[in-house]
PDB file of all heavy atoms in Angstrom:
ATOM      1  N   LEU A   1      98.292 102.357 229.201  1.00  0.00           N
ATOM      2  CA  LEU A   1      97.595 102.808 230.402  1.00  0.00           C
ATOM      3  C   LEU A   1      97.586 104.333 230.463  1.00  0.00           C
ATOM      4  O   LEU A   1      98.517 104.989 229.985  1.00  0.00           O
ATOM      5  CB  LEU A   1      98.286 102.248 231.650  1.00  0.00           C
ATOM      6  CG  LEU A   1      98.305 100.722 231.770  1.00  0.00           C
ATOM      7  CD1 LEU A   1      99.190 100.290 232.935  1.00  0.00           C
ATOM      8  CD2 LEU A   1      96.889 100.187 231.937  1.00  0.00           C
ATOM      9  N   PRO A   2      96.567 104.917 231.068  1.00  0.00           N
ATOM     10  CA  PRO A   2      96.494 106.382 231.134  1.00  0.00           C
ATOM     11  C   PRO A   2      97.482 106.931 232.168  1.00  0.00           C
ATOM     12  O   PRO A   2      97.805 106.258 233.151  1.00  0.00           O
ATOM     13  CB  PRO A   2      95.050 106.633 231.575  1.00  0.00           C
ATOM     14  CG  PRO A   2      94.677 105.415 232.358  1.00  0.00           C
ATOM     15  CD  PRO A   2      95.383 104.272 231.685  1.00  0.00           C
ATOM     16  N   PRO A   3      97.958 108.157 231.951  1.00  0.00           N
ATOM     17  CA  PRO A   3      98.825 108.784 232.963  1.00  0.00           C
ATOM     18  C   PRO A   3      98.140 108.788 234.327  1.00  0.00           C
ATOM     19  O   PRO A   3      96.919 108.966 234.426  1.00  0.00           O
ATOM     20  CB  PRO A   3      98.999 110.212 232.426  1.00  0.00           C
ATOM     21  CG  PRO A   3      98.791 110.093 230.962  1.00  0.00           C
ATOM     22  CD  PRO A   3      97.742 109.030 230.786  1.00  0.00           C
ATOM     23  N   GLY A   4      98.935 108.556 235.375  1.00  0.00           N
ATOM     24  CA  GLY A   4      98.392 108.548 236.728  1.00  0.00           C
ATOM     25  C   GLY A   4      97.821 107.226 237.176  1.00  0.00           C
ATOM     26  O   GLY A   4      97.140 107.152 238.202  1.00  0.00           O
ATOM     27  N   THR A   5      98.111 106.145 236.448  1.00  0.00           N
ATOM     28  CA  THR A   5      97.520 104.839 236.766  1.00  0.00           C
ATOM     29  C   THR A   5      97.770 104.424 238.213  1.00  0.00           C
ATOM     30  O   THR A   5      96.886 103.917 238.899  1.00  0.00           O
ATOM     31  CB  THR A   5      98.045 103.765 235.796  1.00  0.00           C
ATOM     32  OG1 THR A   5      97.443 103.968 234.523  1.00  0.00           O
ATOM     33  CG2 THR A   5      97.723 102.370 236.284  1.00  0.00           C
ATOM     34  N   GLY A   6      98.979 104.597 238.718  1.00  0.00           N
ATOM     35  CA  GLY A   6      99.237 104.345 240.131  1.00  0.00           C
ATOM     36  C   GLY A   6      99.434 102.896 240.517  1.00  0.00           C
ATOM     37  O   GLY A   6      99.349 101.979 239.697  1.00  0.00           O
ATOM     38  N   HIS A   7      99.693 102.714 241.811  1.00  0.00           N
ATOM     39  CA  HIS A   7     100.066 101.408 242.373  1.00  0.00           C
ATOM     40  C   HIS A   7      99.005 100.343 242.124  1.00  0.00           C
ATOM     41  O   HIS A   7      99.285  99.306 241.507  1.00  0.00           O
ATOM     42  CB  HIS A   7     100.313 101.569 243.874  1.00  0.00           C
ATOM     43  CG  HIS A   7     100.529 100.289 244.609  1.00  0.00           C
ATOM     44  ND1 HIS A   7     101.733  99.618 244.594  1.00  0.00           N
ATOM     45  CD2 HIS A   7      99.694  99.535 245.377  1.00  0.00           C
ATOM     46  CE1 HIS A   7     101.637  98.513 245.323  1.00  0.00           C
ATOM     47  NE2 HIS A   7     100.405  98.435 245.804  1.00  0.00           N
ATOM     48  N   SER A   8      97.775 100.590 242.572  1.00  0.00           N
ATOM     49  CA  SER A   8      96.744  99.553 242.443  1.00  0.00           C
ATOM     50  C   SER A   8      96.380  99.315 240.986  1.00  0.00           C
ATOM     51  O   SER A   8      96.059  98.185 240.595  1.00  0.00           O
ATOM     52  CB  SER A   8      95.501  99.932 243.251  1.00  0.00           C
ATOM     53  OG  SER A   8      94.930 101.140 242.771  1.00  0.00           O
ATOM     54  N   GLY A   9      96.476 100.362 240.158  1.00  0.00           N
ATOM     55  CA  GLY A   9      96.174 100.205 238.738  1.00  0.00           C
ATOM     56  C   GLY A   9      97.170  99.308 238.032  1.00  0.00           C
ATOM     57  O   GLY A   9      96.790  98.480 237.186  1.00  0.00           O
ATOM     58  N   TYR A  10      98.446  99.452 238.369  1.00  0.00           N
ATOM     59  CA  TYR A  10      99.458  98.584 237.769  1.00  0.00           C
ATOM     60  C   TYR A  10      99.225  97.126 238.163  1.00  0.00           C
ATOM     61  O   TYR A  10      99.304  96.226 237.319  1.00  0.00           O
ATOM     62  CB  TYR A  10     100.859  99.027 238.184  1.00  0.00           C
ATOM     63  CG  TYR A  10     101.546  99.845 237.117  1.00  0.00           C
ATOM     64  CD1 TYR A  10     101.374 101.222 237.048  1.00  0.00           C
ATOM     65  CD2 TYR A  10     102.341  99.240 236.151  1.00  0.00           C
ATOM     66  CE1 TYR A  10     101.981 101.975 236.060  1.00  0.00           C
ATOM     67  CE2 TYR A  10     102.946  99.982 235.154  1.00  0.00           C
ATOM     68  CZ  TYR A  10     102.769 101.346 235.112  1.00  0.00           C
ATOM     69  OH  TYR A  10     103.360 102.080 234.111  1.00  0.00           O
ATOM     70  N   LEU A  11      98.939  96.900 239.438  1.00  0.00           N
ATOM     71  CA  LEU A  11      98.715  95.521 239.879  1.00  0.00           C
ATOM     72  C   LEU A  11      97.485  94.923 239.209  1.00  0.00           C
ATOM     73  O   LEU A  11      97.475  93.739 238.856  1.00  0.00           O
ATOM     74  CB  LEU A  11      98.585  95.480 241.397  1.00  0.00           C
ATOM     75  CG  LEU A  11      99.807  95.967 242.192  1.00  0.00           C
ATOM     76  CD1 LEU A  11      99.586  95.760 243.688  1.00  0.00           C
ATOM     77  CD2 LEU A  11     101.090  95.277 241.742  1.00  0.00           C
ATOM     78  N   ALA A  12      96.456  95.753 239.018  1.00  0.00           N
ATOM     79  CA  ALA A  12      95.252  95.263 238.354  1.00  0.00           C
ATOM     80  C   ALA A  12      95.516  94.929 236.890  1.00  0.00           C
ATOM     81  O   ALA A  12      95.058  93.895 236.374  1.00  0.00           O
ATOM     82  CB  ALA A  12      94.141  96.310 238.460  1.00  0.00           C
ATOM     83  N   ALA A  13      96.274  95.793 236.192  1.00  0.00           N
ATOM     84  CA  ALA A  13      96.599  95.528 234.783  1.00  0.00           C
ATOM     85  C   ALA A  13      97.426  94.262 234.648  1.00  0.00           C
ATOM     86  O   ALA A  13      97.235  93.476 233.703  1.00  0.00           O
ATOM     87  CB  ALA A  13      97.351  96.721 234.195  1.00  0.00           C
ATOM     88  N   MET A  14      98.321  94.044 235.576  1.00  0.00           N
ATOM     89  CA  MET A  14      99.103  92.807 235.568  1.00  0.00           C
ATOM     90  C   MET A  14      98.185  91.604 235.750  1.00  0.00           C
ATOM     91  O   MET A  14      98.252  90.634 234.986  1.00  0.00           O
ATOM     92  CB  MET A  14     100.148  92.858 236.685  1.00  0.00           C
ATOM     93  CG  MET A  14     101.299  93.823 236.452  1.00  0.00           C
ATOM     94  SD  MET A  14     102.580  93.152 235.378  1.00  0.00           S
ATOM     95  CE  MET A  14     103.340  91.966 236.495  1.00  0.00           C
ATOM     96  N   GLN A  15      97.344  91.666 236.778  1.00  0.00           N
ATOM     97  CA  GLN A  15      96.516  90.525 237.137  1.00  0.00           C
ATOM     98  C   GLN A  15      95.470  90.208 236.079  1.00  0.00           C
ATOM     99  O   GLN A  15      95.189  89.036 235.790  1.00  0.00           O
ATOM    100  CB  GLN A  15      95.827  90.802 238.485  1.00  0.00           C
ATOM    101  CG  GLN A  15      95.263  89.562 239.151  1.00  0.00           C
ATOM    102  CD  GLN A  15      96.368  88.606 239.591  1.00  0.00           C
ATOM    103  OE1 GLN A  15      97.378  89.014 240.152  1.00  0.00           O
ATOM    104  NE2 GLN A  15      96.181  87.317 239.324  1.00  0.00           N
ATOM    105  N   ARG A  16      94.914  91.236 235.463  1.00  0.00           N
ATOM    106  CA  ARG A  16      93.789  91.039 234.546  1.00  0.00           C
ATOM    107  C   ARG A  16      94.210  90.805 233.098  1.00  0.00           C
ATOM    108  O   ARG A  16      93.480  90.156 232.336  1.00  0.00           O
ATOM    109  CB  ARG A  16      92.846  92.243 234.635  1.00  0.00           C
ATOM    110  CG  ARG A  16      92.173  92.358 235.983  1.00  0.00           C
ATOM    111  CD  ARG A  16      91.459  93.686 236.178  1.00  0.00           C
ATOM    112  NE  ARG A  16      90.359  93.891 235.238  1.00  0.00           N
ATOM    113  CZ  ARG A  16      89.506  94.925 235.320  1.00  0.00           C
ATOM    114  NH1 ARG A  16      89.638  95.811 236.307  1.00  0.00           N
ATOM    115  NH2 ARG A  16      88.534  95.045 234.433  1.00  0.00           N
ATOM    116  N   LEU A  17      95.375  91.320 232.690  1.00  0.00           N
ATOM    117  CA  LEU A  17      95.762  91.253 231.288  1.00  0.00           C
ATOM    118  C   LEU A  17      97.107  90.587 231.043  1.00  0.00           C
ATOM    119  O   LEU A  17      97.207  89.623 230.284  1.00  0.00           O
ATOM    120  CB  LEU A  17      95.758  92.670 230.692  1.00  0.00           C
ATOM    121  CG  LEU A  17      94.396  93.342 230.595  1.00  0.00           C
ATOM    122  CD1 LEU A  17      94.547  94.845 230.377  1.00  0.00           C
ATOM    123  CD2 LEU A  17      93.584  92.735 229.468  1.00  0.00           C
ATOM    124  N   ALA A  18      98.161  91.101 231.671  1.00  0.00           N
ATOM    125  CA  ALA A  18      99.503  90.624 231.348  1.00  0.00           C
ATOM    126  C   ALA A  18      99.739  89.184 231.804  1.00  0.00           C
ATOM    127  O   ALA A  18     100.195  88.335 231.017  1.00  0.00           O
ATOM    128  CB  ALA A  18     100.545  91.557 231.978  1.00  0.00           C
ATOM    129  N   LEU A  19      99.445  88.906 233.057  1.00  0.00           N
ATOM    130  CA  LEU A  19      99.751  87.577 233.589  1.00  0.00           C
ATOM    131  C   LEU A  19      98.936  86.464 232.930  1.00  0.00           C
ATOM    132  O   LEU A  19      99.488  85.400 232.611  1.00  0.00           O
ATOM    133  CB  LEU A  19      99.571  87.563 235.112  1.00  0.00           C
ATOM    134  CG  LEU A  19     100.435  88.564 235.895  1.00  0.00           C
ATOM    135  CD1 LEU A  19     100.177  88.430 237.389  1.00  0.00           C
ATOM    136  CD2 LEU A  19     101.926  88.366 235.595  1.00  0.00           C
ATOM    137  N   PRO A  20      97.629  86.646 232.687  1.00  0.00           N
ATOM    138  CA  PRO A  20      96.883  85.585 231.989  1.00  0.00           C
ATOM    139  C   PRO A  20      97.429  85.295 230.596  1.00  0.00           C
ATOM    140  O   PRO A  20      97.468  84.121 230.171  1.00  0.00           O
ATOM    141  CB  PRO A  20      95.459  86.138 231.932  1.00  0.00           C
ATOM    142  CG  PRO A  20      95.368  87.073 233.080  1.00  0.00           C
ATOM    143  CD  PRO A  20      96.720  87.708 233.186  1.00  0.00           C
ATOM    144  N   ALA A  21      97.856  86.330 229.868  1.00  0.00           N
ATOM    145  CA  ALA A  21      98.407  86.105 228.527  1.00  0.00           C
ATOM    146  C   ALA A  21      99.662  85.251 228.595  1.00  0.00           C
ATOM    147  O   ALA A  21      99.864  84.343 227.779  1.00  0.00           O
ATOM    148  CB  ALA A  21      98.705  87.443 227.851  1.00  0.00           C
ATOM    149  N   ILE A  22     100.514  85.538 229.574  1.00  0.00           N
ATOM    150  CA  ILE A  22     101.756  84.765 229.718  1.00  0.00           C
ATOM    151  C   ILE A  22     101.442  83.338 230.157  1.00  0.00           C
ATOM    152  O   ILE A  22     102.036  82.367 229.663  1.00  0.00           O
ATOM    153  CB  ILE A  22     102.696  85.465 230.699  1.00  0.00           C
ATOM    154  CG1 ILE A  22     103.118  86.831 230.145  1.00  0.00           C
ATOM    155  CG2 ILE A  22     103.931  84.605 230.981  1.00  0.00           C
ATOM    156  CD1 ILE A  22     103.781  87.744 231.157  1.00  0.00           C
ATOM    157  N   ARG A  23     100.519  83.204 231.070  1.00  0.00           N
ATOM    158  CA  ARG A  23     100.146  81.859 231.533  1.00  0.00           C
ATOM    159  C   ARG A  23      99.620  81.017 230.375  1.00  0.00           C
ATOM    160  O   ARG A  23      99.978  79.843 230.218  1.00  0.00           O
ATOM    161  CB  ARG A  23      99.103  81.962 232.651  1.00  0.00           C
ATOM    162  CG  ARG A  23      98.715  80.617 233.249  1.00  0.00           C
ATOM    163  CD  ARG A  23      97.672  80.786 234.347  1.00  0.00           C
ATOM    164  NE  ARG A  23      98.186  81.540 235.469  1.00  0.00           N
ATOM    165  CZ  ARG A  23      98.918  81.017 236.451  1.00  0.00           C
ATOM    166  NH1 ARG A  23      99.223  79.723 236.438  1.00  0.00           N
ATOM    167  NH2 ARG A  23      99.337  81.764 237.447  1.00  0.00           N
ATOM    168  N   ASN A  24      98.789  81.607 229.542  1.00  0.00           N
ATOM    169  CA  ASN A  24      98.229  80.866 228.406  1.00  0.00           C
ATOM    170  C   ASN A  24      99.313  80.480 227.398  1.00  0.00           C
ATOM    171  O   ASN A  24      99.225  79.434 226.751  1.00  0.00           O
ATOM    172  CB  ASN A  24      97.162  81.709 227.716  1.00  0.00           C
ATOM    173  CG  ASN A  24      95.895  81.840 228.548  1.00  0.00           C
ATOM    174  OD1 ASN A  24      95.637  81.027 229.434  1.00  0.00           O
ATOM    175  ND2 ASN A  24      95.106  82.871 228.276  1.00  0.00           N
ATOM    176  N   PHE A  25     100.328  81.308 227.265  1.00  0.00           N
ATOM    177  CA  PHE A  25     101.407  81.029 226.324  1.00  0.00           C
ATOM    178  C   PHE A  25     102.322  79.912 226.819  1.00  0.00           C
ATOM    179  O   PHE A  25     102.902  79.174 226.021  1.00  0.00           O
ATOM    180  CB  PHE A  25     102.211  82.315 226.100  1.00  0.00           C
ATOM    181  CG  PHE A  25     103.352  82.172 225.130  1.00  0.00           C
ATOM    182  CD1 PHE A  25     103.115  82.032 223.770  1.00  0.00           C
ATOM    183  CD2 PHE A  25     104.679  82.184 225.568  1.00  0.00           C
ATOM    184  CE1 PHE A  25     104.167  81.911 222.866  1.00  0.00           C
ATOM    185  CE2 PHE A  25     105.731  82.059 224.679  1.00  0.00           C
ATOM    186  CZ  PHE A  25     105.474  81.922 223.324  1.00  0.00           C
ATOM    187  N   ALA A  26     102.469  79.785 228.146  1.00  0.00           N
ATOM    188  CA  ALA A  26     103.294  78.737 228.754  1.00  0.00           C
ATOM    189  C   ALA A  26     104.732  78.746 228.238  1.00  0.00           C
ATOM    190  O   ALA A  26     105.183  77.793 227.583  1.00  0.00           O
ATOM    191  CB  ALA A  26     102.657  77.361 228.544  1.00  0.00           C
ATOM    192  N   PRO A  27     105.481  79.809 228.527  1.00  0.00           N
ATOM    193  CA  PRO A  27     106.860  79.895 228.029  1.00  0.00           C
ATOM    194  C   PRO A  27     107.811  78.979 228.792  1.00  0.00           C
ATOM    195  O   PRO A  27     107.489  78.501 229.890  1.00  0.00           O
ATOM    196  CB  PRO A  27     107.211  81.365 228.284  1.00  0.00           C
ATOM    197  CG  PRO A  27     106.434  81.701 229.521  1.00  0.00           C
ATOM    198  CD  PRO A  27     105.117  80.964 229.362  1.00  0.00           C
ATOM    199  N   ASP A  28     108.987  78.782 228.215  1.00  0.00           N
ATOM    200  CA  ASP A  28     110.059  78.062 228.908  1.00  0.00           C
ATOM    201  C   ASP A  28     110.775  78.966 229.900  1.00  0.00           C
ATOM    202  O   ASP A  28     111.425  78.479 230.826  1.00  0.00           O
ATOM    203  CB  ASP A  28     111.089  77.539 227.893  1.00  0.00           C
ATOM    204  CG  ASP A  28     110.491  76.567 226.901  1.00  0.00           C
ATOM    205  OD1 ASP A  28     109.588  75.801 227.303  1.00  0.00           O
ATOM    206  OD2 ASP A  28     110.915  76.578 225.727  1.00  0.00           O
ATOM    207  N   VAL A  29     110.674  80.285 229.698  1.00  0.00           N
ATOM    208  CA  VAL A  29     111.325  81.254 230.579  1.00  0.00           C
ATOM    209  C   VAL A  29     110.577  82.575 230.443  1.00  0.00           C
ATOM    210  O   VAL A  29     110.020  82.890 229.385  1.00  0.00           O
ATOM    211  CB  VAL A  29     112.818  81.429 230.212  1.00  0.00           C
ATOM    212  CG1 VAL A  29     112.999  81.933 228.780  1.00  0.00           C
ATOM    213  CG2 VAL A  29     113.553  82.346 231.199  1.00  0.00           C
ATOM    214  N   LEU A  30     110.554  83.337 231.521  1.00  0.00           N
ATOM    215  CA  LEU A  30     109.913  84.647 231.530  1.00  0.00           C
ATOM    216  C   LEU A  30     110.997  85.715 231.694  1.00  0.00           C
ATOM    217  O   LEU A  30     111.799  85.662 232.632  1.00  0.00           O
ATOM    218  CB  LEU A  30     108.905  84.732 232.678  1.00  0.00           C
ATOM    219  CG  LEU A  30     108.226  86.082 232.934  1.00  0.00           C
ATOM    220  CD1 LEU A  30     107.556  86.613 231.680  1.00  0.00           C
ATOM    221  CD2 LEU A  30     107.221  85.953 234.080  1.00  0.00           C
TER     222      LEU A  30
END
């Protein structure tokens, strides 16, 4: 992420990229 991403940017990156990848992987533990 670029410097200065900020609060809403972090939440957006989580929602759009990180969380879907984890959901698709379906781990036994996070």
